[in-house]
Amino acid sequence: MTTNPTILDVFHKQMAAYGERNVEQLMTTFSEDCVLQDMADPAAPFEGHAAARGFLVDYFADLANVDVNITKVAQNEDTVFGELDVTADWVSEPFSPESPRRVNFKYVIVDTFRDGLVVHERFYWDSESLQKQLVVSEDA
């Protein structure tokens, strides 16, 4: 007998895939008509599988050695709210894979589900804190 995963199970699957930077595994959790919405720029959502995949590929190109710590999680009938503490190596400009900068940022992810898949994901994060961590010191 097979049991269907709960929305909380799907959320945990997402976070494991996030930590592994596994775009294909993440995509299995999204509906074909999904919408990903970065609340730093809510007017420019990523709509549909192709746009979501493109966003994730670009996002993960900046990161290596990602550690995802779920600090809080709550759910209701069709939504999971997750608070994350993410630490990763920043491997894009002004750094590189050979000389990364370890960064930490906080996220809140709100996933709305339909038929066991994420149909809408909103994510809130502290972009200012990340930008401060990416400043190259003259003393370095």
Protein backbone atom coordinates (compact mmCIF):
# COMPACT_ATOMS: atom_id res chain seq x y z
CA MET A 1 0.00 0.00 0.00
CA THR A 2 1.36 3.42 -0.99
CA THR A 3 0.73 6.50 1.08
CA ASN A 4 0.61 9.96 -0.40
CA PRO A 5 3.17 12.39 0.99
CA THR A 6 1.81 15.22 3.08
CA ILE A 7 2.50 18.81 2.09
CA LEU A 8 4.99 18.94 4.95
CA ASP A 9 6.78 15.91 3.46
CA VAL A 10 6.97 17.72 0.12
CA PHE A 11 8.35 20.84 1.81
CA HIS A 12 11.09 18.78 3.50
CA LYS A 13 11.87 17.13 0.14
CA GLN A 14 12.24 20.62 -1.34
CA MET A 15 14.60 21.75 1.40
CA ALA A 16 16.77 18.64 0.99
CA ALA A 17 16.96 19.32 -2.76
CA TYR A 18 17.77 22.98 -2.05
CA GLY A 19 20.69 21.92 0.13
CA GLU A 20 21.91 19.64 -2.67
CA ARG A 21 21.32 22.35 -5.33
CA ASN A 22 19.30 19.71 -7.19
CA VAL A 23 17.09 21.61 -9.64
CA GLU A 24 15.49 18.49 -11.13
CA GLN A 25 14.50 17.15 -7.71
CA LEU A 26 13.06 20.55 -6.80
CA MET A 27 11.07 20.67 -10.03
CA THR A 28 9.29 17.41 -9.10
CA THR A 29 7.64 19.33 -6.24
CA PHE A 30 6.13 22.06 -8.45
CA SER A 31 2.98 21.94 -10.57
CA GLU A 32 3.35 22.64 -14.30
CA ASP A 33 1.60 25.99 -13.81
CA CYS A 34 3.59 26.96 -10.72
CA VAL A 35 4.43 30.55 -9.85
CA LEU A 36 7.60 31.43 -7.93
CA GLN A 37 7.55 34.93 -6.53
CA ASP A 38 10.60 36.63 -5.06
CA MET A 39 9.06 39.22 -2.76
CA ALA A 40 12.11 41.44 -3.27
CA ASP A 41 10.61 41.94 -6.77
CA PRO A 42 6.98 40.76 -6.55
CA ALA A 43 6.02 42.30 -9.90
CA ALA A 44 8.28 39.86 -11.76
CA PRO A 45 7.16 36.31 -10.86
CA PHE A 46 8.53 33.18 -12.53
CA GLU A 47 5.49 31.52 -14.09
CA GLY A 48 5.45 27.89 -15.22
CA HIS A 49 7.99 25.07 -15.10
CA ALA A 50 10.40 26.54 -17.66
CA ALA A 51 10.63 29.91 -15.91
CA ALA A 52 10.94 28.28 -12.47
CA ARG A 53 13.69 25.96 -13.71
CA GLY A 54 15.54 28.89 -15.30
CA PHE A 55 15.37 30.87 -12.07
CA LEU A 56 16.65 27.93 -10.01
CA VAL A 57 19.52 27.18 -12.40
CA ASP A 58 20.62 30.83 -12.26
CA TYR A 59 20.17 30.99 -8.48
CA PHE A 60 22.24 27.89 -7.80
CA ALA A 61 25.02 29.07 -10.14
CA ASP A 62 25.93 31.59 -7.41
CA LEU A 63 26.15 29.03 -4.60
CA ALA A 64 28.10 25.96 -3.49
CA ASN A 65 28.21 23.92 -0.27
CA VAL A 66 24.70 24.93 0.76
CA ASP A 67 23.47 24.18 4.28
CA VAL A 68 19.74 24.66 4.89
CA ASN A 69 18.50 24.78 8.46
CA ILE A 70 14.72 24.87 8.89
CA THR A 71 14.28 26.98 12.03
CA LYS A 72 10.47 27.12 12.07
CA VAL A 73 7.71 25.45 10.10
CA ALA A 74 3.95 25.69 10.24
CA GLN A 75 1.15 24.54 8.00
CA ASN A 76 -2.53 24.77 7.41
CA GLU A 77 -4.74 22.85 4.99
CA ASP A 78 -2.95 23.84 1.77
CA THR A 79 0.06 25.96 2.81
CA VAL A 80 3.43 25.43 4.46
CA PHE A 81 5.32 28.34 6.02
CA GLY A 82 9.02 27.71 6.53
CA GLU A 83 11.68 29.88 8.11
CA LEU A 84 15.18 29.02 6.93
CA ASP A 85 18.72 29.85 7.96
CA VAL A 86 20.87 29.23 4.87
CA THR A 87 24.66 29.19 4.79
CA ALA A 88 26.53 28.73 1.52
CA ASP A 89 29.67 29.55 -0.41
CA TRP A 90 29.08 32.48 -2.78
CA VAL A 91 31.01 31.54 -5.93
CA SER A 92 29.97 34.36 -8.28
CA GLU A 93 31.39 37.86 -8.68
CA PRO A 94 33.23 39.31 -6.94
CA PHE A 95 34.31 35.86 -5.75
CA SER A 96 34.85 32.54 -7.55
CA PRO A 97 34.60 28.78 -7.04
CA GLU A 98 38.34 28.82 -6.27
CA SER A 99 37.98 31.68 -3.78
CA PRO A 100 34.40 31.72 -2.45
CA ARG A 101 32.90 33.79 0.35
CA ARG A 102 30.87 32.01 3.03
CA VAL A 103 27.53 33.82 3.44
CA ASN A 104 24.45 33.43 5.58
CA PHE A 105 20.94 34.59 4.80
CA LYS A 106 17.51 34.18 6.23
CA TYR A 107 14.46 33.14 4.22
CA VAL A 108 10.78 32.71 4.79
CA ILE A 109 9.14 30.49 2.20
CA VAL A 110 5.38 30.22 1.80
CA ASP A 111 4.33 27.26 -0.36
CA THR A 112 0.71 26.85 -1.45
CA PHE A 113 -0.23 23.36 -2.63
CA ARG A 114 -2.73 21.86 -5.03
CA ASP A 115 -2.95 18.09 -5.55
CA GLY A 116 0.25 17.51 -3.57
CA LEU A 117 2.39 19.92 -5.60
CA VAL A 118 3.49 23.50 -5.02
CA VAL A 119 1.38 25.79 -7.17
CA HIS A 120 2.64 29.07 -5.70
CA GLU A 121 5.83 29.80 -3.79
CA ARG A 122 6.61 33.17 -2.27
CA PHE A 123 9.98 33.76 -0.70
CA TYR A 124 11.05 36.63 1.51
CA TRP A 125 14.71 37.18 2.28
CA ASP A 126 17.13 39.78 3.59
CA SER A 127 18.86 40.96 0.41
CA GLU A 128 20.56 43.88 2.20
CA SER A 129 22.31 41.52 4.61
CA LEU A 130 23.57 39.40 1.72
CA GLN A 131 24.85 42.46 -0.16
CA LYS A 132 26.81 43.58 2.93
CA GLN A 133 28.44 40.15 3.13
CA LEU A 134 29.57 40.39 -0.50
CA VAL A 135 31.48 43.66 -0.06
CA VAL A 136 35.19 43.24 -0.75
CA SER A 137 37.26 44.98 1.89
CA GLU A 138 40.22 47.14 0.86
CA ASP A 139 42.14 45.45 3.69
CA ALA A 140 41.68 41.94 2.31
